[in-house]
Amino acid sequence: MIRLKVKEVAAERGMSMRKLAKNAGIAYNTLRTIYRDPYRPLSTVTLDKLAGALGVDASLLIESDPPLPRTLDG
């Protein structure tokens, strides 16, 4: 299962929910839903907007939960 790490990355960068929503150009209620349910489906467009507003690569905003092995060899 994929988990969004938007809340954690925003906290590391000291960015409030309101500022992040504004900078990303998304509705505050959308961001609040992402914060409350980090397992919810999210479009790649929204993920890209959030990554841009946070100044990080989009891959830093997602993780496998539980973590999966890095290789397919075993």
PDB file of N, CA and C in Angstrom:
ATOM      1  N   MET A   1       0.838  -1.175   0.000  1.00  0.00           N
ATOM      2  CA  MET A   1       0.000   0.000   0.000  1.00  0.00           C
ATOM      3  C   MET A   1       0.889   1.247   0.000  1.00  0.00           C
ATOM      4  N   ILE A   2       0.500   2.253  -0.726  1.00  0.00           N
ATOM      5  CA  ILE A   2       1.261   3.497  -0.807  1.00  0.00           C
ATOM      6  C   ILE A   2       0.755   4.484   0.242  1.00  0.00           C
ATOM      7  N   ARG A   3       1.672   5.090   0.960  1.00  0.00           N
ATOM      8  CA  ARG A   3       1.345   6.095   1.969  1.00  0.00           C
ATOM      9  C   ARG A   3       1.960   7.427   1.564  1.00  0.00           C
ATOM     10  N   LEU A   4       1.179   8.491   1.668  1.00  0.00           N
ATOM     11  CA  LEU A   4       1.672   9.835   1.357  1.00  0.00           C
ATOM     12  C   LEU A   4       2.385  10.417   2.570  1.00  0.00           C
ATOM     13  N   LYS A   5       3.516  11.069   2.342  1.00  0.00           N
ATOM     14  CA  LYS A   5       4.300  11.676   3.420  1.00  0.00           C
ATOM     15  C   LYS A   5       4.258  13.202   3.338  1.00  0.00           C
ATOM     16  N   VAL A   6       3.202  13.746   2.776  1.00  0.00           N
ATOM     17  CA  VAL A   6       3.091  15.199   2.590  1.00  0.00           C
ATOM     18  C   VAL A   6       3.156  15.913   3.933  1.00  0.00           C
ATOM     19  N   LYS A   7       2.417  15.435   4.905  1.00  0.00           N
ATOM     20  CA  LYS A   7       2.373  16.072   6.224  1.00  0.00           C
ATOM     21  C   LYS A   7       3.760  16.134   6.865  1.00  0.00           C
ATOM     22  N   GLU A   8       4.493  15.028   6.794  1.00  0.00           N
ATOM     23  CA  GLU A   8       5.818  14.967   7.407  1.00  0.00           C
ATOM     24  C   GLU A   8       6.807  15.903   6.705  1.00  0.00           C
ATOM     25  N   VAL A   9       6.796  15.891   5.377  1.00  0.00           N
ATOM     26  CA  VAL A   9       7.733  16.732   4.622  1.00  0.00           C
ATOM     27  C   VAL A   9       7.409  18.207   4.840  1.00  0.00           C
ATOM     28  N   ALA A  10       6.137  18.542   4.867  1.00  0.00           N
ATOM     29  CA  ALA A  10       5.743  19.938   5.113  1.00  0.00           C
ATOM     30  C   ALA A  10       6.204  20.386   6.501  1.00  0.00           C
ATOM     31  N   ALA A  11       6.069  19.511   7.486  1.00  0.00           N
ATOM     32  CA  ALA A  11       6.517  19.845   8.847  1.00  0.00           C
ATOM     33  C   ALA A  11       8.023  20.052   8.887  1.00  0.00           C
ATOM     34  N   GLU A  12       8.784  19.203   8.191  1.00  0.00           N
ATOM     35  CA  GLU A  12      10.240  19.357   8.133  1.00  0.00           C
ATOM     36  C   GLU A  12      10.628  20.698   7.529  1.00  0.00           C
ATOM     37  N   ARG A  13       9.833  21.175   6.587  1.00  0.00           N
ATOM     38  CA  ARG A  13      10.119  22.433   5.899  1.00  0.00           C
ATOM     39  C   ARG A  13       9.463  23.623   6.585  1.00  0.00           C
ATOM     40  N   GLY A  14       8.747  23.375   7.670  1.00  0.00           N
ATOM     41  CA  GLY A  14       8.111  24.450   8.422  1.00  0.00           C
ATOM     42  C   GLY A  14       6.996  25.143   7.649  1.00  0.00           C
ATOM     43  N   MET A  15       6.295  24.393   6.799  1.00  0.00           N
ATOM     44  CA  MET A  15       5.250  24.983   5.975  1.00  0.00           C
ATOM     45  C   MET A  15       3.876  24.611   6.526  1.00  0.00           C
ATOM     46  N   SER A  16       3.059  25.608   6.766  1.00  0.00           N
ATOM     47  CA  SER A  16       1.708  25.379   7.267  1.00  0.00           C
ATOM     48  C   SER A  16       0.822  24.793   6.168  1.00  0.00           C
ATOM     49  N   MET A  17      -0.286  24.228   6.587  1.00  0.00           N
ATOM     50  CA  MET A  17      -1.230  23.671   5.620  1.00  0.00           C
ATOM     51  C   MET A  17      -1.761  24.755   4.692  1.00  0.00           C
ATOM     52  N   ARG A  18      -2.095  25.909   5.249  1.00  0.00           N
ATOM     53  CA  ARG A  18      -2.636  26.989   4.428  1.00  0.00           C
ATOM     54  C   ARG A  18      -1.639  27.468   3.382  1.00  0.00           C
ATOM     55  N   LYS A  19      -0.400  27.650   3.808  1.00  0.00           N
ATOM     56  CA  LYS A  19       0.628  28.111   2.877  1.00  0.00           C
ATOM     57  C   LYS A  19       0.895  27.062   1.801  1.00  0.00           C
ATOM     58  N   LEU A  20       0.945  25.788   2.192  1.00  0.00           N
ATOM     59  CA  LEU A  20       1.185  24.724   1.232  1.00  0.00           C
ATOM     60  C   LEU A  20       0.054  24.646   0.214  1.00  0.00           C
ATOM     61  N   ALA A  21      -1.181  24.702   0.672  1.00  0.00           N
ATOM     62  CA  ALA A  21      -2.322  24.648  -0.239  1.00  0.00           C
ATOM     63  C   ALA A  21      -2.276  25.811  -1.220  1.00  0.00           C
ATOM     64  N   LYS A  22      -1.983  26.991  -0.720  1.00  0.00           N
ATOM     65  CA  LYS A  22      -1.919  28.176  -1.584  1.00  0.00           C
ATOM     66  C   LYS A  22      -0.784  28.056  -2.596  1.00  0.00           C
ATOM     67  N   ASN A  23       0.402  27.688  -2.127  1.00  0.00           N
ATOM     68  CA  ASN A  23       1.566  27.572  -3.017  1.00  0.00           C
ATOM     69  C   ASN A  23       1.395  26.462  -4.055  1.00  0.00           C
ATOM     70  N   ALA A  24       0.690  25.405  -3.677  1.00  0.00           N
ATOM     71  CA  ALA A  24       0.478  24.285  -4.601  1.00  0.00           C
ATOM     72  C   ALA A  24      -0.701  24.528  -5.536  1.00  0.00           C
ATOM     73  N   GLY A  25      -1.524  25.500  -5.195  1.00  0.00           N
ATOM     74  CA  GLY A  25      -2.691  25.778  -6.025  1.00  0.00           C
ATOM     75  C   GLY A  25      -3.772  24.718  -5.899  1.00  0.00           C
ATOM     76  N   ILE A  26      -3.911  24.169  -4.699  1.00  0.00           N
ATOM     77  CA  ILE A  26      -4.957  23.179  -4.453  1.00  0.00           C
ATOM     78  C   ILE A  26      -5.861  23.697  -3.329  1.00  0.00           C
ATOM     79  N   ALA A  27      -7.049  23.146  -3.235  1.00  0.00           N
ATOM     80  CA  ALA A  27      -7.985  23.559  -2.199  1.00  0.00           C
ATOM     81  C   ALA A  27      -7.477  23.134  -0.817  1.00  0.00           C
ATOM     82  N   TYR A  28      -7.685  23.998   0.156  1.00  0.00           N
ATOM     83  CA  TYR A  28      -7.292  23.697   1.525  1.00  0.00           C
ATOM     84  C   TYR A  28      -7.949  22.397   2.000  1.00  0.00           C
ATOM     85  N   ASN A  29      -9.216  22.202   1.667  1.00  0.00           N
ATOM     86  CA  ASN A  29      -9.927  20.989   2.093  1.00  0.00           C
ATOM     87  C   ASN A  29      -9.310  19.727   1.491  1.00  0.00           C
ATOM     88  N   THR A  30      -8.786  19.833   0.281  1.00  0.00           N
ATOM     89  CA  THR A  30      -8.102  18.692  -0.335  1.00  0.00           C
ATOM     90  C   THR A  30      -6.859  18.333   0.465  1.00  0.00           C
ATOM     91  N   LEU A  31      -6.086  19.345   0.824  1.00  0.00           N
ATOM     92  CA  LEU A  31      -4.869  19.103   1.602  1.00  0.00           C
ATOM     93  C   LEU A  31      -5.212  18.561   2.983  1.00  0.00           C
ATOM     94  N   ARG A  32      -6.246  19.078   3.598  1.00  0.00           N
ATOM     95  CA  ARG A  32      -6.660  18.589   4.912  1.00  0.00           C
ATOM     96  C   ARG A  32      -7.026  17.104   4.839  1.00  0.00           C
ATOM     97  N   THR A  33      -7.690  16.704   3.759  1.00  0.00           N
ATOM     98  CA  THR A  33      -8.036  15.301   3.569  1.00  0.00           C
ATOM     99  C   THR A  33      -6.781  14.448   3.416  1.00  0.00           C
ATOM    100  N   ILE A  34      -5.792  14.947   2.675  1.00  0.00           N
ATOM    101  CA  ILE A  34      -4.521  14.231   2.506  1.00  0.00           C
ATOM    102  C   ILE A  34      -3.815  14.066   3.852  1.00  0.00           C
ATOM    103  N   TYR A  35      -3.817  15.113   4.678  1.00  0.00           N
ATOM    104  CA  TYR A  35      -3.194  15.048   5.996  1.00  0.00           C
ATOM    105  C   TYR A  35      -3.897  14.015   6.878  1.00  0.00           C
ATOM    106  N   ARG A  36      -5.218  13.989   6.823  1.00  0.00           N
ATOM    107  CA  ARG A  36      -5.994  13.088   7.684  1.00  0.00           C
ATOM    108  C   ARG A  36      -5.956  11.646   7.223  1.00  0.00           C
ATOM    109  N   ASP A  37      -5.846  11.431   5.924  1.00  0.00           N
ATOM    110  CA  ASP A  37      -5.843  10.073   5.362  1.00  0.00           C
ATOM    111  C   ASP A  37      -4.707   9.936   4.352  1.00  0.00           C
ATOM    112  N   PRO A  38      -3.503   9.627   4.829  1.00  0.00           N
ATOM    113  CA  PRO A  38      -2.354   9.544   3.921  1.00  0.00           C
ATOM    114  C   PRO A  38      -2.385   8.345   2.974  1.00  0.00           C
ATOM    115  N   TYR A  39      -3.422   7.522   3.050  1.00  0.00           N
ATOM    116  CA  TYR A  39      -3.554   6.369   2.156  1.00  0.00           C
ATOM    117  C   TYR A  39      -4.565   6.621   1.038  1.00  0.00           C
ATOM    118  N   ARG A  40      -5.143   7.805   0.975  1.00  0.00           N
ATOM    119  CA  ARG A  40      -6.180   8.088  -0.018  1.00  0.00           C
ATOM    120  C   ARG A  40      -5.572   8.173  -1.418  1.00  0.00           C
ATOM    121  N   PRO A  41      -6.339   7.819  -2.425  1.00  0.00           N
ATOM    122  CA  PRO A  41      -5.855   7.975  -3.806  1.00  0.00           C
ATOM    123  C   PRO A  41      -5.603   9.452  -4.116  1.00  0.00           C
ATOM    124  N   LEU A  42      -4.573   9.684  -4.903  1.00  0.00           N
ATOM    125  CA  LEU A  42      -4.185  11.053  -5.238  1.00  0.00           C
ATOM    126  C   LEU A  42      -3.697  11.077  -6.675  1.00  0.00           C
ATOM    127  N   SER A  43      -4.099  12.086  -7.421  1.00  0.00           N
ATOM    128  CA  SER A  43      -3.657  12.159  -8.814  1.00  0.00           C
ATOM    129  C   SER A  43      -2.185  12.557  -8.875  1.00  0.00           C
ATOM    130  N   THR A  44      -1.542  12.156  -9.934  1.00  0.00           N
ATOM    131  CA  THR A  44      -0.135  12.531 -10.120  1.00  0.00           C
ATOM    132  C   THR A  44      -0.003  14.034 -10.322  1.00  0.00           C
ATOM    133  N   VAL A  45      -1.023  14.670 -10.841  1.00  0.00           N
ATOM    134  CA  VAL A  45      -0.998  16.130 -11.026  1.00  0.00           C
ATOM    135  C   VAL A  45      -0.940  16.809  -9.655  1.00  0.00           C
ATOM    136  N   THR A  46      -1.781  16.368  -8.729  1.00  0.00           N
ATOM    137  CA  THR A  46      -1.780  16.943  -7.381  1.00  0.00           C
ATOM    138  C   THR A  46      -0.470  16.642  -6.672  1.00  0.00           C
ATOM    139  N   LEU A  47       0.022  15.427  -6.807  1.00  0.00           N
ATOM    140  CA  LEU A  47       1.299  15.064  -6.199  1.00  0.00           C
ATOM    141  C   LEU A  47       2.412  15.962  -6.723  1.00  0.00           C
ATOM    142  N   ASP A  48       2.414  16.223  -8.015  1.00  0.00           N
ATOM    143  CA  ASP A  48       3.425  17.091  -8.616  1.00  0.00           C
ATOM    144  C   ASP A  48       3.304  18.523  -8.101  1.00  0.00           C
ATOM    145  N   LYS A  49       2.098  19.020  -7.941  1.00  0.00           N
ATOM    146  CA  LYS A  49       1.887  20.374  -7.407  1.00  0.00           C
ATOM    147  C   LYS A  49       2.419  20.488  -5.983  1.00  0.00           C
ATOM    148  N   LEU A  50       2.135  19.475  -5.172  1.00  0.00           N
ATOM    149  CA  LEU A  50       2.612  19.482  -3.787  1.00  0.00           C
ATOM    150  C   LEU A  50       4.132  19.411  -3.734  1.00  0.00           C
ATOM    151  N   ALA A  51       4.717  18.562  -4.549  1.00  0.00           N
ATOM    152  CA  ALA A  51       6.180  18.443  -4.585  1.00  0.00           C
ATOM    153  C   ALA A  51       6.813  19.769  -5.001  1.00  0.00           C
ATOM    154  N   GLY A  52       6.252  20.406  -6.007  1.00  0.00           N
ATOM    155  CA  GLY A  52       6.776  21.699  -6.450  1.00  0.00           C
ATOM    156  C   GLY A  52       6.695  22.754  -5.363  1.00  0.00           C
ATOM    157  N   ALA A  53       5.580  22.804  -4.656  1.00  0.00           N
ATOM    158  CA  ALA A  53       5.403  23.785  -3.586  1.00  0.00           C
ATOM    159  C   ALA A  53       6.356  23.529  -2.419  1.00  0.00           C
ATOM    160  N   LEU A  54       6.692  22.256  -2.205  1.00  0.00           N
ATOM    161  CA  LEU A  54       7.616  21.904  -1.116  1.00  0.00           C
ATOM    162  C   LEU A  54       9.074  21.923  -1.558  1.00  0.00           C
ATOM    163  N   GLY A  55       9.306  22.028  -2.858  1.00  0.00           N
ATOM    164  CA  GLY A  55      10.677  22.063  -3.366  1.00  0.00           C
ATOM    165  C   GLY A  55      11.382  20.721  -3.285  1.00  0.00           C
ATOM    166  N   VAL A  56      10.619  19.628  -3.452  1.00  0.00           N
ATOM    167  CA  VAL A  56      11.208  18.292  -3.394  1.00  0.00           C
ATOM    168  C   VAL A  56      10.755  17.484  -4.605  1.00  0.00           C
ATOM    169  N   ASP A  57      11.452  16.383  -4.858  1.00  0.00           N
ATOM    170  CA  ASP A  57      11.034  15.447  -5.887  1.00  0.00           C
ATOM    171  C   ASP A  57       9.782  14.723  -5.393  1.00  0.00           C
ATOM    172  N   ALA A  58       8.852  14.469  -6.287  1.00  0.00           N
ATOM    173  CA  ALA A  58       7.600  13.808  -5.912  1.00  0.00           C
ATOM    174  C   ALA A  58       7.836  12.455  -5.241  1.00  0.00           C
ATOM    175  N   SER A  59       8.913  11.780  -5.586  1.00  0.00           N
ATOM    176  CA  SER A  59       9.189  10.465  -4.990  1.00  0.00           C
ATOM    177  C   SER A  59       9.414  10.552  -3.480  1.00  0.00           C
ATOM    178  N   LEU A  60       9.769  11.725  -2.972  1.00  0.00           N
ATOM    179  CA  LEU A  60       9.963  11.889  -1.530  1.00  0.00           C
ATOM    180  C   LEU A  60       8.654  11.996  -0.766  1.00  0.00           C
ATOM    181  N   LEU A  61       7.549  12.136  -1.480  1.00  0.00           N
ATOM    182  CA  LEU A  61       6.254  12.298  -0.835  1.00  0.00           C
ATOM    183  C   LEU A  61       5.465  10.998  -0.725  1.00  0.00           C
ATOM    184  N   ILE A  62       6.045   9.897  -1.186  1.00  0.00           N
ATOM    185  CA  ILE A  62       5.358   8.607  -1.106  1.00  0.00           C
ATOM    186  C   ILE A  62       6.292   7.541  -0.550  1.00  0.00           C
ATOM    187  N   GLU A  63       5.687   6.527   0.060  1.00  0.00           N
ATOM    188  CA  GLU A  63       6.454   5.376   0.535  1.00  0.00           C
ATOM    189  C   GLU A  63       5.554   4.155   0.541  1.00  0.00           C
ATOM    190  N   SER A  64       6.162   2.990   0.484  1.00  0.00           N
ATOM    191  CA  SER A  64       5.423   1.745   0.604  1.00  0.00           C
ATOM    192  C   SER A  64       5.204   1.452   2.076  1.00  0.00           C
ATOM    193  N   ASP A  65       4.015   1.024   2.416  1.00  0.00           N
ATOM    194  CA  ASP A  65       3.696   0.704   3.802  1.00  0.00           C
ATOM    195  C   ASP A  65       2.907  -0.588   3.820  1.00  0.00           C
ATOM    196  N   PRO A  66       3.436  -1.695   4.292  1.00  0.00           N
ATOM    197  CA  PRO A  66       4.772  -1.811   4.866  1.00  0.00           C
ATOM    198  C   PRO A  66       5.846  -1.749   3.791  1.00  0.00           C
ATOM    199  N   PRO A  67       7.061  -1.365   4.210  1.00  0.00           N
ATOM    200  CA  PRO A  67       8.154  -1.287   3.223  1.00  0.00           C
ATOM    201  C   PRO A  67       8.353  -2.612   2.498  1.00  0.00           C
ATOM    202  N   LEU A  68       8.559  -2.527   1.222  1.00  0.00           N
ATOM    203  CA  LEU A  68       8.789  -3.708   0.401  1.00  0.00           C
ATOM    204  C   LEU A  68      10.291  -3.889   0.159  1.00  0.00           C
ATOM    205  N   PRO A  69      10.719  -5.113  -0.137  1.00  0.00           N
ATOM    206  CA  PRO A  69      12.135  -5.320  -0.470  1.00  0.00           C
ATOM    207  C   PRO A  69      12.537  -4.464  -1.666  1.00  0.00           C
ATOM    208  N   ARG A  70      13.758  -4.002  -1.680  1.00  0.00           N
ATOM    209  CA  ARG A  70      14.245  -3.146  -2.752  1.00  0.00           C
ATOM    210  C   ARG A  70      14.511  -3.907  -4.045  1.00  0.00           C
ATOM    211  N   THR A  71      14.724  -5.225  -3.952  1.00  0.00           N
ATOM    212  CA  THR A  71      15.027  -5.999  -5.160  1.00  0.00           C
ATOM    213  C   THR A  71      13.969  -7.072  -5.362  1.00  0.00           C
ATOM    214  N   LEU A  72      13.935  -7.589  -6.545  1.00  0.00           N
ATOM    215  CA  LEU A  72      13.010  -8.664  -6.857  1.00  0.00           C
ATOM    216  C   LEU A  72      13.672 -10.035  -6.701  1.00  0.00           C
ATOM    217  N   ASP A  73      14.929 -10.049  -6.310  1.00  0.00           N
ATOM    218  CA  ASP A  73      15.707 -11.283  -6.244  1.00  0.00           C
ATOM    219  C   ASP A  73      15.459 -12.095  -4.975  1.00  0.00           C
ATOM    220  N   GLY A  74      14.665 -11.638  -4.080  1.00  0.00           N
ATOM    221  CA  GLY A  74      14.509 -12.494  -2.957  1.00  0.00           C
ATOM    222  C   GLY A  74      13.877 -11.947  -1.808  1.00  0.00           C
TER     223      GLY A  74
END
